[in-house]
Amino acid sequence: MTDTETDLELAVRAAKSAGEILLKFWAERSQLTVSNKRVGDFVSEADLTSENHLKELLLGACEADQWLGEETGAEGKSSRRWIVDPLDGTTNFLRGIPFWSVSVALEIDGELTVGVVHDAVHSETFAAQLGRGATLNGLPIEVSNTEAMASALFGTGVPFGSMAHIADSAADIRRLMPHCAGVRRMGSAALDLAYVASGRLDGFWERKLQIWDIAAGLVLLREAGATLEGAEVSERPEQSGTVMTATPKLFSSLTSLLRASN
């Protein structure tokens, strides 16, 4: 990081440069070496190369900072921690579905302060810093002004393989579908959260995500005016990995439906 570069500028630069690396792999994805972490959960050379690049750039700029990456794990002890998902939406990436992203967040003293979600395919960079608002390619964004559930479009994630909460997620969708305009399952939670922050989706929910899936998106949501909670009313999503978020006008209706069986 240069003397004049801010944490947000560094995060944007890192995410964009990782996106450039991923686009090269994207063009030759049929040749990638892929392995399974578990059923339906893949990791490729692209994920690993992107994360190593992000780690080198971010820690190279701030050597004392702590690190948490999806593929390389935790490292260091500091009040500042970079939280990174180098390729959120690996399955989409490998299948040629253009909905995947790079997610970079900075946490300081336990509070998420910077969030960047970069969509390299569409050249869209969602960025936010605590107290400074959220932007898309440098222009301000905010959540939608949708007021009626009947007009609302929501996003979610659907568990796979042997995940224990498959039945809970199916029940959520069953309760919500009769009351809204639709539900989308697109495959990159970080980008889903960015879409709520920019008003493309009116809300999103998913259970038991990892912190690297949501850290950057949570900063975007808060700065764009979304309301969000964790599994319980008093819980922050950072604590459990469960995210419930929507425009303030729809949040109560969404969470009432989702929590109806609790």
Protein backbone atom coordinates (compact mmCIF):
# COMPACT_ATOMS: atom_id res chain seq x y z
CA MET A 1 0.00 0.00 0.00
CA THR A 2 1.36 3.42 -0.92
CA ASP A 3 1.44 6.27 1.58
CA THR A 4 -1.70 7.75 0.02
CA GLU A 5 -3.65 4.54 -0.74
CA THR A 6 -6.55 3.85 1.61
CA ASP A 7 -7.64 0.42 2.83
CA LEU A 8 -10.62 0.59 0.48
CA GLU A 9 -8.49 1.50 -2.51
CA LEU A 10 -6.12 -1.35 -1.70
CA ALA A 11 -9.02 -3.81 -1.43
CA VAL A 12 -10.45 -2.66 -4.76
CA ARG A 13 -7.07 -2.94 -6.47
CA ALA A 14 -6.55 -6.43 -5.05
CA ALA A 15 -10.00 -7.69 -6.03
CA LYS A 16 -9.73 -6.33 -9.57
CA SER A 17 -6.29 -7.79 -10.16
CA ALA A 18 -7.43 -11.17 -8.85
CA GLY A 19 -10.38 -10.90 -11.22
CA GLU A 20 -8.00 -10.43 -14.14
CA ILE A 21 -6.19 -13.62 -13.16
CA LEU A 22 -9.47 -15.50 -12.90
CA LEU A 23 -10.61 -14.34 -16.35
CA LYS A 24 -7.55 -16.01 -17.87
CA PHE A 25 -8.46 -19.28 -16.15
CA TRP A 26 -12.12 -18.75 -17.16
CA ALA A 27 -11.11 -18.67 -20.82
CA GLU A 28 -9.43 -22.08 -20.44
CA ARG A 29 -11.55 -23.57 -17.66
CA SER A 30 -11.93 -26.96 -19.37
CA GLN A 31 -8.23 -27.54 -18.73
CA LEU A 32 -8.30 -26.77 -15.00
CA THR A 33 -7.29 -29.30 -12.37
CA VAL A 34 -10.23 -29.65 -9.96
CA SER A 35 -10.57 -31.46 -6.65
CA ASN A 36 -13.45 -32.00 -4.22
CA LYS A 37 -13.48 -30.70 -0.64
CA ARG A 38 -16.75 -32.60 -0.15
CA VAL A 39 -19.75 -33.51 -2.29
CA GLY A 40 -20.59 -30.53 -4.49
CA ASP A 41 -17.80 -28.32 -3.10
CA PHE A 42 -14.96 -27.85 -5.56
CA VAL A 43 -11.57 -26.17 -5.54
CA SER A 44 -9.44 -25.50 -8.60
CA GLU A 45 -6.12 -24.01 -9.65
CA ALA A 46 -8.03 -20.80 -10.26
CA ASP A 47 -9.17 -20.53 -6.61
CA LEU A 48 -5.68 -21.22 -5.30
CA THR A 49 -3.87 -18.87 -7.69
CA SER A 50 -6.33 -16.07 -6.97
CA GLU A 51 -5.98 -16.47 -3.21
CA ASN A 52 -2.19 -16.61 -3.30
CA HIS A 53 -2.19 -13.41 -5.37
CA LEU A 54 -4.54 -11.65 -2.94
CA LYS A 55 -2.50 -12.77 0.05
CA GLU A 56 0.75 -11.59 -1.47
CA LEU A 57 -0.69 -8.22 -2.43
CA LEU A 58 -2.66 -7.45 0.74
CA LEU A 59 -0.11 -8.70 3.26
CA GLY A 60 2.69 -7.27 1.16
CA ALA A 61 1.09 -3.87 1.60
CA CYS A 62 0.34 -4.36 5.30
CA GLU A 63 2.79 -6.96 6.62
CA ALA A 64 1.52 -6.95 10.21
CA ASP A 65 -2.09 -7.68 9.28
CA GLN A 66 -3.87 -10.92 10.07
CA TRP A 67 -5.19 -13.15 7.27
CA LEU A 68 -8.17 -15.46 6.76
CA GLY A 69 -8.66 -17.01 3.34
CA GLU A 70 -11.02 -19.78 2.27
CA GLU A 71 -8.22 -21.88 0.78
CA THR A 72 -5.14 -20.96 2.85
CA GLY A 73 -6.76 -20.55 6.28
CA ALA A 74 -5.76 -18.24 9.12
CA GLU A 75 -2.43 -16.57 9.72
CA GLY A 76 -1.04 -13.94 12.08
CA LYS A 77 -2.28 -11.99 15.08
CA SER A 78 -3.37 -8.40 14.66
CA SER A 79 -6.28 -6.04 15.28
CA ARG A 80 -6.60 -5.88 11.48
CA ARG A 81 -7.73 -8.97 9.58
CA TRP A 82 -8.25 -9.45 5.85
CA ILE A 83 -11.06 -11.92 5.09
CA VAL A 84 -10.99 -13.23 1.54
CA ASP A 85 -12.92 -15.54 -0.75
CA PRO A 86 -10.76 -15.71 -3.91
CA LEU A 87 -13.53 -17.21 -6.07
CA ASP A 88 -17.04 -17.26 -4.69
CA GLY A 89 -19.09 -19.40 -7.04
CA THR A 90 -16.52 -21.98 -8.10
CA THR A 91 -19.14 -24.40 -9.42
CA ASN A 92 -20.59 -21.65 -11.65
CA PHE A 93 -17.07 -20.76 -12.78
CA LEU A 94 -16.23 -24.33 -13.76
CA ARG A 95 -19.55 -24.79 -15.61
CA GLY A 96 -19.23 -21.57 -17.58
CA ILE A 97 -22.03 -19.80 -15.71
CA PRO A 98 -21.07 -16.09 -15.51
CA PHE A 99 -22.07 -15.51 -11.88
CA TRP A 100 -19.00 -15.62 -9.64
CA SER A 101 -16.96 -13.05 -7.76
CA VAL A 102 -13.91 -12.09 -5.74
CA SER A 103 -14.69 -11.02 -2.16
CA VAL A 104 -12.30 -8.96 -0.02
CA ALA A 105 -13.10 -7.56 3.43
CA LEU A 106 -11.15 -5.89 6.20
CA GLU A 107 -12.03 -6.30 9.87
CA ILE A 108 -10.53 -3.94 12.44
CA ASP A 109 -10.89 -4.63 16.17
CA GLY A 110 -13.63 -7.16 15.44
CA GLU A 111 -15.71 -4.83 13.24
CA LEU A 112 -16.04 -5.19 9.47
CA THR A 113 -14.94 -1.88 7.97
CA VAL A 114 -14.22 -2.47 4.27
CA GLY A 115 -15.98 -4.69 1.76
CA VAL A 116 -15.35 -5.24 -1.96
CA VAL A 117 -17.14 -7.71 -4.23
CA HIS A 118 -15.78 -7.78 -7.77
CA ASP A 119 -17.60 -9.36 -10.71
CA ALA A 120 -14.86 -9.71 -13.31
CA VAL A 121 -17.07 -11.06 -16.11
CA HIS A 122 -19.30 -7.98 -16.08
CA SER A 123 -16.61 -5.49 -14.95
CA GLU A 124 -18.63 -4.53 -11.87
CA THR A 125 -16.98 -3.61 -8.58
CA PHE A 126 -19.18 -3.17 -5.51
CA ALA A 127 -17.30 -1.38 -2.74
CA ALA A 128 -18.03 0.08 0.69
CA GLN A 129 -16.28 1.45 3.75
CA LEU A 130 -17.83 1.94 7.15
CA GLY A 131 -19.49 5.34 7.36
CA ARG A 132 -18.77 6.27 3.73
CA GLY A 133 -21.60 4.59 1.80
CA ALA A 134 -21.56 1.93 -0.90
CA THR A 135 -20.76 2.23 -4.60
CA LEU A 136 -20.89 0.30 -7.87
CA ASN A 137 -18.04 1.27 -10.18
CA GLY A 138 -17.64 4.44 -8.15
CA LEU A 139 -21.29 5.53 -8.24
CA PRO A 140 -23.46 5.50 -5.09
CA ILE A 141 -25.88 2.61 -4.58
CA GLU A 142 -28.64 1.88 -2.12
CA VAL A 143 -31.24 -0.79 -1.49
CA SER A 144 -34.48 -0.90 -3.48
CA ASN A 145 -37.61 1.03 -2.56
CA THR A 146 -39.91 -1.96 -3.09
CA GLU A 147 -42.71 -1.79 -0.53
CA ALA A 148 -44.98 -4.77 -1.27
CA MET A 149 -44.03 -8.40 -0.73
CA ALA A 150 -46.04 -9.31 -3.82
CA SER A 151 -43.57 -7.30 -5.92
CA ALA A 152 -40.43 -8.41 -4.10
CA LEU A 153 -37.65 -10.55 -5.57
CA PHE A 154 -35.44 -12.43 -3.13
CA GLY A 155 -32.23 -14.39 -3.36
CA THR A 156 -31.14 -17.42 -1.36
CA GLY A 157 -28.66 -20.25 -1.26
CA VAL A 158 -29.70 -23.89 -1.40
CA PRO A 159 -27.56 -26.40 0.52
CA PHE A 160 -26.23 -29.47 -1.24
CA GLY A 161 -24.68 -32.87 -0.61
CA SER A 162 -24.99 -33.99 3.00
CA MET A 163 -25.60 -30.57 4.58
CA ALA A 164 -27.86 -30.96 7.61
CA HIS A 165 -30.06 -27.92 6.91
CA ILE A 166 -31.42 -28.94 3.48
CA ALA A 167 -34.92 -29.55 4.87
CA ASP A 168 -34.93 -26.20 6.71
CA SER A 169 -33.99 -24.34 3.54
CA ALA A 170 -36.68 -26.11 1.52
CA ALA A 171 -39.24 -25.19 4.19
CA ASP A 172 -38.12 -21.54 4.02
CA ILE A 173 -38.77 -21.43 0.28
CA ARG A 174 -42.12 -23.15 0.64
CA ARG A 175 -43.28 -20.55 3.20
CA LEU A 176 -42.01 -17.55 1.24
CA MET A 177 -42.91 -18.36 -2.38
CA PRO A 178 -46.69 -17.72 -2.12
CA HIS A 179 -46.04 -14.19 -0.85
CA CYS A 180 -43.43 -12.78 -3.25
CA ALA A 181 -42.61 -12.26 -6.93
CA GLY A 182 -39.91 -14.91 -6.96
CA VAL A 183 -36.82 -16.44 -5.40
CA ARG A 184 -33.45 -16.76 -7.16
CA ARG A 185 -30.66 -19.19 -6.32
CA MET A 186 -27.65 -17.94 -8.30
CA GLY A 187 -24.63 -19.52 -6.65
CA SER A 188 -22.41 -16.74 -5.26
CA ALA A 189 -23.52 -15.45 -1.86
CA ALA A 190 -21.09 -12.52 -1.98
CA LEU A 191 -22.58 -11.34 -5.26
CA ASP A 192 -26.14 -11.96 -4.01
CA LEU A 193 -25.49 -9.63 -1.08
CA ALA A 194 -24.06 -7.03 -3.45
CA TYR A 195 -27.23 -7.32 -5.54
CA VAL A 196 -29.35 -6.55 -2.48
CA ALA A 197 -27.14 -3.57 -1.69
CA SER A 198 -27.60 -2.25 -5.24
CA GLY A 199 -31.37 -2.82 -5.37
CA ARG A 200 -31.35 -5.65 -7.91
CA LEU A 201 -32.70 -8.02 -5.26
CA ASP A 202 -35.02 -6.87 -2.49
CA GLY A 203 -33.62 -9.30 0.07
CA PHE A 204 -31.60 -12.44 0.68
CA TRP A 205 -31.31 -15.19 3.25
CA GLU A 206 -29.14 -18.24 3.73
CA ARG A 207 -28.16 -20.45 6.63
CA LYS A 208 -24.69 -21.28 7.94
CA LEU A 209 -22.42 -19.54 5.49
CA GLN A 210 -18.71 -19.08 6.16
CA ILE A 211 -17.41 -15.67 7.18
CA TRP A 212 -15.43 -15.31 3.94
CA ASP A 213 -18.69 -15.77 1.98
CA ILE A 214 -20.40 -12.82 3.65
CA ALA A 215 -17.87 -10.42 5.21
CA ALA A 216 -17.56 -8.03 2.27
CA GLY A 217 -21.26 -8.23 1.48
CA LEU A 218 -22.22 -7.30 5.03
CA VAL A 219 -20.30 -4.02 4.76
CA LEU A 220 -22.04 -3.30 1.44
CA LEU A 221 -25.46 -4.01 2.93
CA ARG A 222 -24.99 -1.82 5.98
CA GLU A 223 -23.68 1.08 3.96
CA ALA A 224 -26.45 0.75 1.34
CA GLY A 225 -29.22 0.94 3.94
CA ALA A 226 -30.28 -2.69 4.26
CA THR A 227 -31.61 -4.17 7.48
CA LEU A 228 -29.96 -7.42 8.49
CA GLU A 229 -29.89 -9.94 11.30
CA GLY A 230 -28.56 -13.39 12.00
CA ALA A 231 -30.46 -16.53 12.93
CA GLU A 232 -31.95 -14.73 15.94
CA VAL A 233 -33.17 -11.15 16.28
CA SER A 234 -30.27 -10.06 18.49
CA GLU A 235 -27.60 -11.93 16.52
CA ARG A 236 -25.24 -10.49 13.94
CA PRO A 237 -24.66 -12.59 10.80
CA GLU A 238 -20.94 -12.63 11.58
CA GLN A 239 -21.69 -14.75 14.64
CA SER A 240 -23.58 -17.66 13.08
CA GLY A 241 -23.10 -17.33 9.32
CA THR A 242 -26.87 -17.13 8.88
CA VAL A 243 -27.93 -14.00 7.00
CA MET A 244 -31.39 -12.46 6.78
CA THR A 245 -31.44 -9.13 4.97
CA ALA A 246 -33.83 -6.93 3.02
CA THR A 247 -34.82 -3.36 2.35
CA PRO A 248 -36.19 -1.90 5.61
CA LYS A 249 -39.72 -1.79 4.20
CA LEU A 250 -39.74 -5.57 3.62
CA PHE A 251 -37.50 -6.89 6.37
CA SER A 252 -40.18 -7.55 8.97
CA SER A 253 -42.40 -9.40 6.50
CA LEU A 254 -39.49 -11.51 5.24
CA THR A 255 -38.19 -12.51 8.65
CA SER A 256 -41.67 -13.22 10.02
CA LEU A 257 -42.20 -15.77 7.26
CA LEU A 258 -38.75 -17.31 7.59
CA ARG A 259 -39.00 -17.62 11.36
CA ALA A 260 -42.59 -18.92 11.32
CA SER A 261 -41.57 -22.48 12.21
CA ASN A 262 -39.18 -21.49 15.02
